[in-house]
């Protein structure tokens, strides 16, 4: 059974937490829903820091995801024109509505009740959120696909996920997630947040990052880009030569090549897998990628690699 908690009650270690709890408004009891990944941010100092790092303007419309009972929402409302809060739990939405109704900001809050991954998002300037950790990746890429492009997002994630987003080539956490996110945006790690700043405390440490989408976005087919990156990071510490010599990879790329030729009305549709292997190795060798490893390639190198393959008619979708 999920343990009921009261927002703002003393929880966890003594000391600073006891002072923190006195400054957070008390609300009705709730049972935290594990399905929704509910961990309510209770430390007002952390909340203030997140709002400060969001660099809000008084004219901004702010998107908040999973506002819970509104500890962060109330601070956002003090610093922007409007908050659009997407909340999946009707109990939390009702509590938030009631809390804001008793404040001067009643007309500055819009609540969208529903699953963030399924709802249509309206216009917003900045996104600020304590993210439900189990949807971190699809949430990030839904935001990055949103149009018109927003100015920035300041998001709380599980610490390891946050570090993967911001990882550089050569870092142990550098991965497909790092490359795909950094193709589309600038990612900055802002601060670490300990477990006891939440109610109930999660099992993992957390961290806040800032994501600033590139505007305009790079002129690239993201599906094909991700096809290349996914393949490269399937064995990120192997050489590209080793990755692209695998028979299943060669077979798939040869089929893609034949489909491409057919769509383009070209006659070269009968090449063997062995011929495709020779074509791939030539691309890698001619462009000095043969002994390079995915874990050490930066964004520009991945872009160059994709363009080199395109020049040989090799595609990844």
C-alpha atoms as a PDB file:
ATOM      1  CA  UNK A   1       0.000   0.000   0.000  1.00  0.00           C
ATOM      2  CA  UNK A   2       1.256   3.483  -0.831  1.00  0.00           C
ATOM      3  CA  UNK A   3       1.868   5.531   2.289  1.00  0.00           C
ATOM      4  CA  UNK A   4      -0.302   8.676   2.565  1.00  0.00           C
ATOM      5  CA  UNK A   5       1.683  11.891   2.919  1.00  0.00           C
ATOM      6  CA  UNK A   6       0.753  15.418   3.874  1.00  0.00           C
ATOM      7  CA  UNK A   7       2.241  18.210   1.824  1.00  0.00           C
ATOM      8  CA  UNK A   8       4.562  20.258   3.981  1.00  0.00           C
ATOM      9  CA  UNK A   9       4.758  17.880   6.951  1.00  0.00           C
ATOM     10  CA  UNK A  10       8.158  17.107   8.423  1.00  0.00           C
ATOM     11  CA  UNK A  11       9.754  14.182   6.633  1.00  0.00           C
ATOM     12  CA  UNK A  12      13.165  12.590   6.553  1.00  0.00           C
ATOM     13  CA  UNK A  13      16.248  13.982   8.288  1.00  0.00           C
ATOM     14  CA  UNK A  14      16.257  16.602  11.016  1.00  0.00           C
ATOM     15  CA  UNK A  15      17.818  20.029  10.741  1.00  0.00           C
ATOM     16  CA  UNK A  16      17.174  21.998   7.562  1.00  0.00           C
ATOM     17  CA  UNK A  17      14.160  19.845   6.615  1.00  0.00           C
ATOM     18  CA  UNK A  18      12.277  20.897   9.746  1.00  0.00           C
ATOM     19  CA  UNK A  19      12.775  24.561   8.835  1.00  0.00           C
ATOM     20  CA  UNK A  20      11.838  23.923   5.226  1.00  0.00           C
ATOM     21  CA  UNK A  21       8.572  22.195   6.136  1.00  0.00           C
ATOM     22  CA  UNK A  22       7.351  25.207   8.102  1.00  0.00           C
ATOM     23  CA  UNK A  23       7.556  27.415   5.024  1.00  0.00           C
ATOM     24  CA  UNK A  24       5.524  25.145   2.748  1.00  0.00           C
ATOM     25  CA  UNK A  25       1.734  25.417   2.858  1.00  0.00           C
ATOM     26  CA  UNK A  26      -0.085  22.462   4.398  1.00  0.00           C
ATOM     27  CA  UNK A  27      -2.668  20.722   2.214  1.00  0.00           C
ATOM     28  CA  UNK A  28      -4.965  17.720   2.284  1.00  0.00           C
ATOM     29  CA  UNK A  29      -3.643  14.193   2.565  1.00  0.00           C
ATOM     30  CA  UNK A  30      -2.863  12.324  -0.638  1.00  0.00           C
ATOM     31  CA  UNK A  31      -1.672   8.873  -1.430  1.00  0.00           C
ATOM     32  CA  UNK A  32       1.214   9.308  -3.827  1.00  0.00           C
ATOM     33  CA  UNK A  33       0.536   7.392  -7.032  1.00  0.00           C
ATOM     34  CA  UNK A  34       3.597   5.366  -8.033  1.00  0.00           C
ATOM     35  CA  UNK A  35       2.207   4.964 -11.544  1.00  0.00           C
ATOM     36  CA  UNK A  36       2.568   8.709 -12.055  1.00  0.00           C
ATOM     37  CA  UNK A  37       5.990   8.907 -10.391  1.00  0.00           C
ATOM     38  CA  UNK A  38       4.768  11.475  -7.867  1.00  0.00           C
ATOM     39  CA  UNK A  39       7.501  13.024  -5.725  1.00  0.00           C
ATOM     40  CA  UNK A  40       6.547  16.539  -4.683  1.00  0.00           C
ATOM     41  CA  UNK A  41       9.333  19.107  -4.422  1.00  0.00           C
ATOM     42  CA  UNK A  42       9.049  20.612  -0.932  1.00  0.00           C
ATOM     43  CA  UNK A  43      12.206  22.696  -0.384  1.00  0.00           C
ATOM     44  CA  UNK A  44      11.420  26.386  -1.065  1.00  0.00           C
ATOM     45  CA  UNK A  45      15.109  27.177  -1.526  1.00  0.00           C
ATOM     46  CA  UNK A  46      15.352  24.688  -4.387  1.00  0.00           C
ATOM     47  CA  UNK A  47      12.093  25.995  -5.831  1.00  0.00           C
ATOM     48  CA  UNK A  48      13.393  29.574  -5.723  1.00  0.00           C
ATOM     49  CA  UNK A  49      16.633  28.504  -7.387  1.00  0.00           C
ATOM     50  CA  UNK A  50      14.787  26.716 -10.213  1.00  0.00           C
ATOM     51  CA  UNK A  51      12.626  29.776 -10.863  1.00  0.00           C
ATOM     52  CA  UNK A  52      15.666  32.056 -10.803  1.00  0.00           C
ATOM     53  CA  UNK A  53      17.560  29.837 -13.274  1.00  0.00           C
ATOM     54  CA  UNK A  54      14.516  29.809 -15.568  1.00  0.00           C
ATOM     55  CA  UNK A  55      15.172  33.503 -16.291  1.00  0.00           C
ATOM     56  CA  UNK A  56      11.488  34.275 -16.710  1.00  0.00           C
ATOM     57  CA  UNK A  57      10.075  37.472 -18.140  1.00  0.00           C
ATOM     58  CA  UNK A  58       6.895  39.103 -16.896  1.00  0.00           C
ATOM     59  CA  UNK A  59       5.390  38.549 -20.366  1.00  0.00           C
ATOM     60  CA  UNK A  60       6.164  34.810 -20.505  1.00  0.00           C
ATOM     61  CA  UNK A  61       3.717  31.953 -20.784  1.00  0.00           C
ATOM     62  CA  UNK A  62       5.203  29.043 -18.836  1.00  0.00           C
ATOM     63  CA  UNK A  63       4.436  25.360 -19.352  1.00  0.00           C
ATOM     64  CA  UNK A  64       4.666  23.250 -16.202  1.00  0.00           C
ATOM     65  CA  UNK A  65       4.480  19.453 -16.358  1.00  0.00           C
ATOM     66  CA  UNK A  66       3.194  17.558 -13.324  1.00  0.00           C
ATOM     67  CA  UNK A  67       2.598  20.528 -11.001  1.00  0.00           C
ATOM     68  CA  UNK A  68       1.279  18.384  -8.151  1.00  0.00           C
ATOM     69  CA  UNK A  69      -0.215  20.632  -5.483  1.00  0.00           C
ATOM     70  CA  UNK A  70       1.544  23.714  -6.781  1.00  0.00           C
ATOM     71  CA  UNK A  71       4.618  24.510  -4.673  1.00  0.00           C
ATOM     72  CA  UNK A  72       6.561  25.390  -7.832  1.00  0.00           C
ATOM     73  CA  UNK A  73       3.478  26.700  -9.651  1.00  0.00           C
ATOM     74  CA  UNK A  74       2.889  29.455  -7.103  1.00  0.00           C
ATOM     75  CA  UNK A  75       6.432  30.774  -7.534  1.00  0.00           C
ATOM     76  CA  UNK A  76       6.143  30.638 -11.314  1.00  0.00           C
ATOM     77  CA  UNK A  77       2.900  32.641 -11.204  1.00  0.00           C
ATOM     78  CA  UNK A  78       4.697  35.397  -9.290  1.00  0.00           C
ATOM     79  CA  UNK A  79       7.221  35.768 -12.114  1.00  0.00           C
ATOM     80  CA  UNK A  80       5.343  35.373 -15.400  1.00  0.00           C
ATOM     81  CA  UNK A  81       2.168  36.291 -17.229  1.00  0.00           C
ATOM     82  CA  UNK A  82       0.554  32.833 -17.299  1.00  0.00           C
ATOM     83  CA  UNK A  83       1.190  29.227 -16.287  1.00  0.00           C
ATOM     84  CA  UNK A  84      -0.215  26.309 -18.286  1.00  0.00           C
ATOM     85  CA  UNK A  85      -0.031  23.243 -16.043  1.00  0.00           C
ATOM     86  CA  UNK A  86      -0.405  19.726 -17.463  1.00  0.00           C
ATOM     87  CA  UNK A  87      -1.486  17.316 -14.722  1.00  0.00           C
ATOM     88  CA  UNK A  88      -2.575  13.681 -15.151  1.00  0.00           C
ATOM     89  CA  UNK A  89      -3.934  13.197 -11.597  1.00  0.00           C
ATOM     90  CA  UNK A  90      -7.410  14.757 -11.082  1.00  0.00           C
ATOM     91  CA  UNK A  91      -6.846  14.984  -7.306  1.00  0.00           C
ATOM     92  CA  UNK A  92      -3.724  17.070  -7.767  1.00  0.00           C
ATOM     93  CA  UNK A  93      -5.383  19.234 -10.405  1.00  0.00           C
ATOM     94  CA  UNK A  94      -8.298  19.940  -8.059  1.00  0.00           C
ATOM     95  CA  UNK A  95      -5.973  20.812  -5.191  1.00  0.00           C
ATOM     96  CA  UNK A  96      -3.918  23.097  -7.412  1.00  0.00           C
ATOM     97  CA  UNK A  97      -7.036  24.825  -8.710  1.00  0.00           C
ATOM     98  CA  UNK A  98      -8.264  25.418  -5.164  1.00  0.00           C
ATOM     99  CA  UNK A  99      -4.899  26.687  -3.976  1.00  0.00           C
ATOM    100  CA  UNK A 100      -4.516  29.192  -6.823  1.00  0.00           C
ATOM    101  CA  UNK A 101      -8.169  30.315  -6.565  1.00  0.00           C
ATOM    102  CA  UNK A 102      -7.373  31.696  -3.118  1.00  0.00           C
ATOM    103  CA  UNK A 103      -4.466  33.732  -4.479  1.00  0.00           C
ATOM    104  CA  UNK A 104      -4.164  36.872  -6.643  1.00  0.00           C
ATOM    105  CA  UNK A 105      -3.198  34.646  -9.603  1.00  0.00           C
ATOM    106  CA  UNK A 106      -6.507  32.851 -10.147  1.00  0.00           C
ATOM    107  CA  UNK A 107      -6.857  34.209 -13.691  1.00  0.00           C
ATOM    108  CA  UNK A 108      -3.267  33.420 -14.636  1.00  0.00           C
ATOM    109  CA  UNK A 109      -3.428  29.617 -14.418  1.00  0.00           C
ATOM    110  CA  UNK A 110      -4.699  27.162 -17.023  1.00  0.00           C
ATOM    111  CA  UNK A 111      -4.815  23.467 -16.117  1.00  0.00           C
ATOM    112  CA  UNK A 112      -4.772  20.789 -18.798  1.00  0.00           C
ATOM    113  CA  UNK A 113      -5.928  17.506 -17.278  1.00  0.00           C
ATOM    114  CA  UNK A 114      -4.343  14.584 -19.098  1.00  0.00           C
ATOM    115  CA  UNK A 115      -1.253  12.561 -19.972  1.00  0.00           C
ATOM    116  CA  UNK A 116       1.484  14.952 -21.129  1.00  0.00           C
ATOM    117  CA  UNK A 117       2.624  12.525 -23.832  1.00  0.00           C
ATOM    118  CA  UNK A 118      -0.874  12.452 -25.343  1.00  0.00           C
ATOM    119  CA  UNK A 119      -2.143  16.033 -25.044  1.00  0.00           C
ATOM    120  CA  UNK A 120      -1.692  18.734 -27.672  1.00  0.00           C
ATOM    121  CA  UNK A 121       0.541  21.459 -26.308  1.00  0.00           C
ATOM    122  CA  UNK A 122      -0.371  25.136 -26.735  1.00  0.00           C
ATOM    123  CA  UNK A 123       2.099  27.963 -27.287  1.00  0.00           C
ATOM    124  CA  UNK A 124       4.552  28.606 -24.449  1.00  0.00           C
ATOM    125  CA  UNK A 125       7.797  30.545 -23.995  1.00  0.00           C
ATOM    126  CA  UNK A 126       9.499  28.512 -21.283  1.00  0.00           C
ATOM    127  CA  UNK A 127       8.944  25.071 -19.769  1.00  0.00           C
ATOM    128  CA  UNK A 128       9.693  24.482 -16.084  1.00  0.00           C
ATOM    129  CA  UNK A 129       9.024  21.114 -14.503  1.00  0.00           C
ATOM    130  CA  UNK A 130       9.815  18.485 -11.926  1.00  0.00           C
ATOM    131  CA  UNK A 131       9.548  15.711 -14.499  1.00  0.00           C
ATOM    132  CA  UNK A 132       7.955  12.292 -13.825  1.00  0.00           C
ATOM    133  CA  UNK A 133      11.181  10.310 -14.234  1.00  0.00           C
ATOM    134  CA  UNK A 134       9.669   7.315 -16.023  1.00  0.00           C
ATOM    135  CA  UNK A 135       8.748   9.461 -19.050  1.00  0.00           C
ATOM    136  CA  UNK A 136      11.953  11.534 -19.155  1.00  0.00           C
ATOM    137  CA  UNK A 137      13.103  10.546 -22.648  1.00  0.00           C
ATOM    138  CA  UNK A 138       9.802  10.767 -24.584  1.00  0.00           C
ATOM    139  CA  UNK A 139       8.955  13.969 -22.692  1.00  0.00           C
ATOM    140  CA  UNK A 140      12.254  15.557 -23.716  1.00  0.00           C
ATOM    141  CA  UNK A 141      11.820  14.755 -27.388  1.00  0.00           C
ATOM    142  CA  UNK A 142       8.161  15.784 -27.418  1.00  0.00           C
ATOM    143  CA  UNK A 143       9.282  19.178 -26.141  1.00  0.00           C
ATOM    144  CA  UNK A 144      12.072  19.414 -28.722  1.00  0.00           C
ATOM    145  CA  UNK A 145       9.605  18.576 -31.510  1.00  0.00           C
ATOM    146  CA  UNK A 146       7.164  21.290 -30.386  1.00  0.00           C
ATOM    147  CA  UNK A 147       6.503  24.184 -32.735  1.00  0.00           C
ATOM    148  CA  UNK A 148       6.827  27.088 -32.498  1.00  0.00           C
ATOM    149  CA  UNK A 149      10.188  26.599 -30.802  1.00  0.00           C
ATOM    150  CA  UNK A 150      10.232  27.718 -27.172  1.00  0.00           C
ATOM    151  CA  UNK A 151      13.058  29.715 -25.575  1.00  0.00           C
ATOM    152  CA  UNK A 152      14.223  27.223 -22.962  1.00  0.00           C
ATOM    153  CA  UNK A 153      13.226  24.431 -20.597  1.00  0.00           C
ATOM    154  CA  UNK A 154      14.470  24.035 -17.025  1.00  0.00           C
ATOM    155  CA  UNK A 155      13.757  20.457 -16.024  1.00  0.00           C
ATOM    156  CA  UNK A 156      14.354  18.225 -13.014  1.00  0.00           C
ATOM    157  CA  UNK A 157      15.390  14.683 -13.969  1.00  0.00           C
ATOM    158  CA  UNK A 158      16.898  11.643 -12.332  1.00  0.00           C
ATOM    159  CA  UNK A 159      20.557  12.626 -11.939  1.00  0.00           C
ATOM    160  CA  UNK A 160      21.988   9.954 -14.232  1.00  0.00           C
ATOM    161  CA  UNK A 161      19.547  10.880 -17.003  1.00  0.00           C
ATOM    162  CA  UNK A 162      20.451  14.562 -16.598  1.00  0.00           C
ATOM    163  CA  UNK A 163      24.161  13.743 -16.815  1.00  0.00           C
ATOM    164  CA  UNK A 164      23.584  11.679 -19.960  1.00  0.00           C
ATOM    165  CA  UNK A 165      21.821  14.640 -21.571  1.00  0.00           C
ATOM    166  CA  UNK A 166      24.803  16.896 -20.919  1.00  0.00           C
ATOM    167  CA  UNK A 167      27.612  14.331 -21.446  1.00  0.00           C
ATOM    168  CA  UNK A 168      30.480  15.136 -23.826  1.00  0.00           C
ATOM    169  CA  UNK A 169      32.301  12.811 -26.253  1.00  0.00           C
ATOM    170  CA  UNK A 170      34.584  10.514 -24.272  1.00  0.00           C
ATOM    171  CA  UNK A 171      32.508  10.697 -21.067  1.00  0.00           C
ATOM    172  CA  UNK A 172      31.373   7.332 -19.714  1.00  0.00           C
ATOM    173  CA  UNK A 173      27.719   8.450 -19.892  1.00  0.00           C
ATOM    174  CA  UNK A 174      27.945   9.782 -23.474  1.00  0.00           C
ATOM    175  CA  UNK A 175      25.318   7.904 -25.469  1.00  0.00           C
ATOM    176  CA  UNK A 176      22.617   8.053 -28.129  1.00  0.00           C
ATOM    177  CA  UNK A 177      20.514  10.255 -25.814  1.00  0.00           C
ATOM    178  CA  UNK A 178      23.378  12.757 -25.491  1.00  0.00           C
ATOM    179  CA  UNK A 179      23.937  12.966 -29.249  1.00  0.00           C
ATOM    180  CA  UNK A 180      20.273  13.249 -30.205  1.00  0.00           C
ATOM    181  CA  UNK A 181      19.506  15.910 -27.604  1.00  0.00           C
ATOM    182  CA  UNK A 182      22.610  17.949 -28.393  1.00  0.00           C
ATOM    183  CA  UNK A 183      21.876  17.843 -32.111  1.00  0.00           C
ATOM    184  CA  UNK A 184      18.676  19.773 -31.390  1.00  0.00           C
ATOM    185  CA  UNK A 185      19.622  21.893 -28.381  1.00  0.00           C
ATOM    186  CA  UNK A 186      22.213  23.242 -25.991  1.00  0.00           C
ATOM    187  CA  UNK A 187      22.108  21.344 -22.687  1.00  0.00           C
ATOM    188  CA  UNK A 188      23.518  22.795 -19.458  1.00  0.00           C
ATOM    189  CA  UNK A 189      23.689  21.007 -16.114  1.00  0.00           C
ATOM    190  CA  UNK A 190      22.497  23.482 -13.460  1.00  0.00           C
ATOM    191  CA  UNK A 191      22.442  21.770 -10.060  1.00  0.00           C
ATOM    192  CA  UNK A 192      22.176  18.538  -8.124  1.00  0.00           C
ATOM    193  CA  UNK A 193      19.121  18.007  -5.905  1.00  0.00           C
ATOM    194  CA  UNK A 194      19.170  15.525  -3.009  1.00  0.00           C
ATOM    195  CA  UNK A 195      16.471  12.974  -2.210  1.00  0.00           C
ATOM    196  CA  UNK A 196      15.249  14.657   0.977  1.00  0.00           C
ATOM    197  CA  UNK A 197      14.041  17.712  -0.929  1.00  0.00           C
ATOM    198  CA  UNK A 198      11.048  15.633  -2.085  1.00  0.00           C
ATOM    199  CA  UNK A 199       7.972  14.179  -0.461  1.00  0.00           C
ATOM    200  CA  UNK A 200       8.146  11.204  -0.485  1.00  0.00           C
ATOM    201  CA  UNK A 201      11.915  10.958  -1.153  1.00  0.00           C
ATOM    202  CA  UNK A 202      12.690   9.103  -4.421  1.00  0.00           C
ATOM    203  CA  UNK A 203      15.205   6.250  -4.485  1.00  0.00           C
ATOM    204  CA  UNK A 204      17.574   8.209  -6.731  1.00  0.00           C
ATOM    205  CA  UNK A 205      19.355  11.551  -6.723  1.00  0.00           C
ATOM    206  CA  UNK A 206      18.041  14.274  -9.010  1.00  0.00           C
ATOM    207  CA  UNK A 207      19.473  17.127 -11.059  1.00  0.00           C
ATOM    208  CA  UNK A 208      18.234  20.180 -12.945  1.00  0.00           C
ATOM    209  CA  UNK A 209      19.262  20.973 -16.520  1.00  0.00           C
ATOM    210  CA  UNK A 210      18.538  23.785 -18.942  1.00  0.00           C
ATOM    211  CA  UNK A 211      17.644  22.815 -22.526  1.00  0.00           C
ATOM    212  CA  UNK A 212      17.756  25.584 -25.150  1.00  0.00           C
ATOM    213  CA  UNK A 213      16.479  24.407 -28.560  1.00  0.00           C
ATOM    214  CA  UNK A 214      18.379  25.601 -31.604  1.00  0.00           C
ATOM    215  CA  UNK A 215      16.324  28.042 -33.635  1.00  0.00           C
ATOM    216  CA  UNK A 216      16.197  27.302 -36.468  1.00  0.00           C
ATOM    217  CA  UNK A 217      16.710  23.557 -35.924  1.00  0.00           C
ATOM    218  CA  UNK A 218      19.331  21.748 -38.027  1.00  0.00           C
ATOM    219  CA  UNK A 219      18.047  20.908 -41.541  1.00  0.00           C
ATOM    220  CA  UNK A 220      18.235  17.152 -41.117  1.00  0.00           C
ATOM    221  CA  UNK A 221      15.908  14.163 -41.282  1.00  0.00           C
ATOM    222  CA  UNK A 222      15.871  13.227 -37.600  1.00  0.00           C
ATOM    223  CA  UNK A 223      14.522   9.711 -38.195  1.00  0.00           C
ATOM    224  CA  UNK A 224      17.448   8.888 -40.462  1.00  0.00           C
ATOM    225  CA  UNK A 225      19.913  10.650 -38.159  1.00  0.00           C
ATOM    226  CA  UNK A 226      18.664   8.558 -35.244  1.00  0.00           C
ATOM    227  CA  UNK A 227      18.963   5.419 -37.371  1.00  0.00           C
ATOM    228  CA  UNK A 228      22.685   6.078 -37.810  1.00  0.00           C
ATOM    229  CA  UNK A 229      23.241   7.081 -34.178  1.00  0.00           C
ATOM    230  CA  UNK A 230      21.322   4.070 -32.838  1.00  0.00           C
ATOM    231  CA  UNK A 231      23.444   1.759 -34.944  1.00  0.00           C
ATOM    232  CA  UNK A 232      26.691   3.420 -33.910  1.00  0.00           C
ATOM    233  CA  UNK A 233      25.866   3.251 -30.204  1.00  0.00           C
ATOM    234  CA  UNK A 234      24.733  -0.368 -30.337  1.00  0.00           C
ATOM    235  CA  UNK A 235      28.412  -1.116 -29.611  1.00  0.00           C
ATOM    236  CA  UNK A 236      29.722   2.312 -28.731  1.00  0.00           C
ATOM    237  CA  UNK A 237      33.229   1.218 -27.701  1.00  0.00           C
ATOM    238  CA  UNK A 238      33.896  -0.820 -30.830  1.00  0.00           C
ATOM    239  CA  UNK A 239      35.455   0.764 -33.892  1.00  0.00           C
ATOM    240  CA  UNK A 240      33.072   1.857 -36.639  1.00  0.00           C
ATOM    241  CA  UNK A 241      34.788  -0.708 -38.856  1.00  0.00           C
ATOM    242  CA  UNK A 242      33.777  -3.430 -36.396  1.00  0.00           C
ATOM    243  CA  UNK A 243      30.206  -2.182 -36.124  1.00  0.00           C
ATOM    244  CA  UNK A 244      29.602  -1.874 -39.867  1.00  0.00           C
ATOM    245  CA  UNK A 245      31.149  -5.261 -40.750  1.00  0.00           C
ATOM    246  CA  UNK A 246      28.367  -7.139 -38.916  1.00  0.00           C
ATOM    247  CA  UNK A 247      26.389  -9.174 -41.467  1.00  0.00           C
ATOM    248  CA  UNK A 248      22.955  -8.106 -40.181  1.00  0.00           C
ATOM    249  CA  UNK A 249      23.969  -4.427 -40.460  1.00  0.00           C
ATOM    250  CA  UNK A 250      25.246  -4.917 -44.018  1.00  0.00           C
ATOM    251  CA  UNK A 251      22.074  -6.777 -44.995  1.00  0.00           C
ATOM    252  CA  UNK A 252      19.825  -4.026 -43.623  1.00  0.00           C
ATOM    253  CA  UNK A 253      21.790  -1.224 -45.280  1.00  0.00           C
ATOM    254  CA  UNK A 254      21.817  -3.116 -48.588  1.00  0.00           C
ATOM    255  CA  UNK A 255      18.042  -3.456 -48.465  1.00  0.00           C
ATOM    256  CA  UNK A 256      17.758   0.264 -47.685  1.00  0.00           C
ATOM    257  CA  UNK A 257      20.024   0.994 -50.642  1.00  0.00           C
ATOM    258  CA  UNK A 258      17.911  -1.088 -53.021  1.00  0.00           C
ATOM    259  CA  UNK A 259      14.752   0.640 -51.814  1.00  0.00           C
ATOM    260  CA  UNK A 260      16.411   4.031 -52.313  1.00  0.00           C
ATOM    261  CA  UNK A 261      17.485   3.094 -55.856  1.00  0.00           C
ATOM    262  CA  UNK A 262      14.001   1.866 -56.726  1.00  0.00           C
ATOM    263  CA  UNK A 263      12.388   5.067 -55.438  1.00  0.00           C
ATOM    264  CA  UNK A 264      14.895   7.178 -57.352  1.00  0.00           C
ATOM    265  CA  UNK A 265      14.405   5.186 -60.581  1.00  0.00           C
ATOM    266  CA  UNK A 266      18.003   3.968 -60.588  1.00  0.00           C
ATOM    267  CA  UNK A 267      19.022   0.620 -62.079  1.00  0.00           C
ATOM    268  CA  UNK A 268      21.460  -0.423 -59.340  1.00  0.00           C
ATOM    269  CA  UNK A 269      19.044  -2.614 -57.383  1.00  0.00           C
ATOM    270  CA  UNK A 270      20.738  -6.024 -57.576  1.00  0.00           C
ATOM    271  CA  UNK A 271      23.925  -5.480 -55.577  1.00  0.00           C
ATOM    272  CA  UNK A 272      25.056  -8.219 -53.213  1.00  0.00           C
ATOM    273  CA  UNK A 273      25.664  -7.833 -49.487  1.00  0.00           C
ATOM    274  CA  UNK A 274      29.378  -8.275 -50.194  1.00  0.00           C
ATOM    275  CA  UNK A 275      29.290  -5.309 -52.582  1.00  0.00           C
ATOM    276  CA  UNK A 276      27.506  -3.257 -49.926  1.00  0.00           C
ATOM    277  CA  UNK A 277      30.161  -4.225 -47.389  1.00  0.00           C
ATOM    278  CA  UNK A 278      32.888  -2.996 -49.751  1.00  0.00           C
ATOM    279  CA  UNK A 279      30.971   0.262 -50.310  1.00  0.00           C
ATOM    280  CA  UNK A 280      30.599   0.843 -46.552  1.00  0.00           C
ATOM    281  CA  UNK A 281      34.236   0.141 -45.779  1.00  0.00           C
ATOM    282  CA  UNK A 282      35.348   2.454 -48.592  1.00  0.00           C
ATOM    283  CA  UNK A 283      33.235   5.299 -47.144  1.00  0.00           C
ATOM    284  CA  UNK A 284      34.749   4.763 -43.696  1.00  0.00           C
ATOM    285  CA  UNK A 285      38.287   4.430 -45.021  1.00  0.00           C
ATOM    286  CA  UNK A 286      38.194   7.370 -47.438  1.00  0.00           C
ATOM    287  CA  UNK A 287      36.879   9.682 -44.702  1.00  0.00           C
ATOM    288  CA  UNK A 288      39.139   8.457 -41.893  1.00  0.00           C
ATOM    289  CA  UNK A 289      36.375   6.863 -39.806  1.00  0.00           C
ATOM    290  CA  UNK A 290      37.550   3.264 -39.993  1.00  0.00           C
ATOM    291  CA  UNK A 291      39.174   3.114 -36.529  1.00  0.00           C
ATOM    292  CA  UNK A 292      37.085   5.767 -34.796  1.00  0.00           C
ATOM    293  CA  UNK A 293      34.634   4.909 -32.028  1.00  0.00           C
ATOM    294  CA  UNK A 294      31.120   6.246 -31.490  1.00  0.00           C
ATOM    295  CA  UNK A 295      31.880   7.112 -27.876  1.00  0.00           C
ATOM    296  CA  UNK A 296      34.460   9.669 -29.036  1.00  0.00           C
ATOM    297  CA  UNK A 297      32.608  11.276 -31.999  1.00  0.00           C
ATOM    298  CA  UNK A 298      31.090  14.732 -31.590  1.00  0.00           C
ATOM    299  CA  UNK A 299      27.992  16.091 -33.327  1.00  0.00           C
ATOM    300  CA  UNK A 300      29.909  17.487 -36.299  1.00  0.00           C
ATOM    301  CA  UNK A 301      31.635  14.162 -36.879  1.00  0.00           C
ATOM    302  CA  UNK A 302      28.316  12.301 -36.833  1.00  0.00           C
ATOM    303  CA  UNK A 303      26.944  14.829 -39.325  1.00  0.00           C
ATOM    304  CA  UNK A 304      29.961  14.338 -41.561  1.00  0.00           C
ATOM    305  CA  UNK A 305      29.596  10.547 -41.341  1.00  0.00           C
ATOM    306  CA  UNK A 306      25.929  10.723 -42.313  1.00  0.00           C
ATOM    307  CA  UNK A 307      26.720  12.985 -45.268  1.00  0.00           C
ATOM    308  CA  UNK A 308      29.493  10.641 -46.419  1.00  0.00           C
ATOM    309  CA  UNK A 309      27.115   7.693 -46.392  1.00  0.00           C
ATOM    310  CA  UNK A 310      24.521   9.750 -48.266  1.00  0.00           C
ATOM    311  CA  UNK A 311      27.107  10.516 -50.911  1.00  0.00           C
ATOM    312  CA  UNK A 312      27.412   6.773 -51.500  1.00  0.00           C
ATOM    313  CA  UNK A 313      23.635   6.296 -51.546  1.00  0.00           C
ATOM    314  CA  UNK A 314      23.572   4.567 -48.146  1.00  0.00           C
ATOM    315  CA  UNK A 315      20.588   5.442 -45.962  1.00  0.00           C
ATOM    316  CA  UNK A 316      19.445   4.565 -42.459  1.00  0.00           C
ATOM    317  CA  UNK A 317      15.653   4.425 -42.570  1.00  0.00           C
END
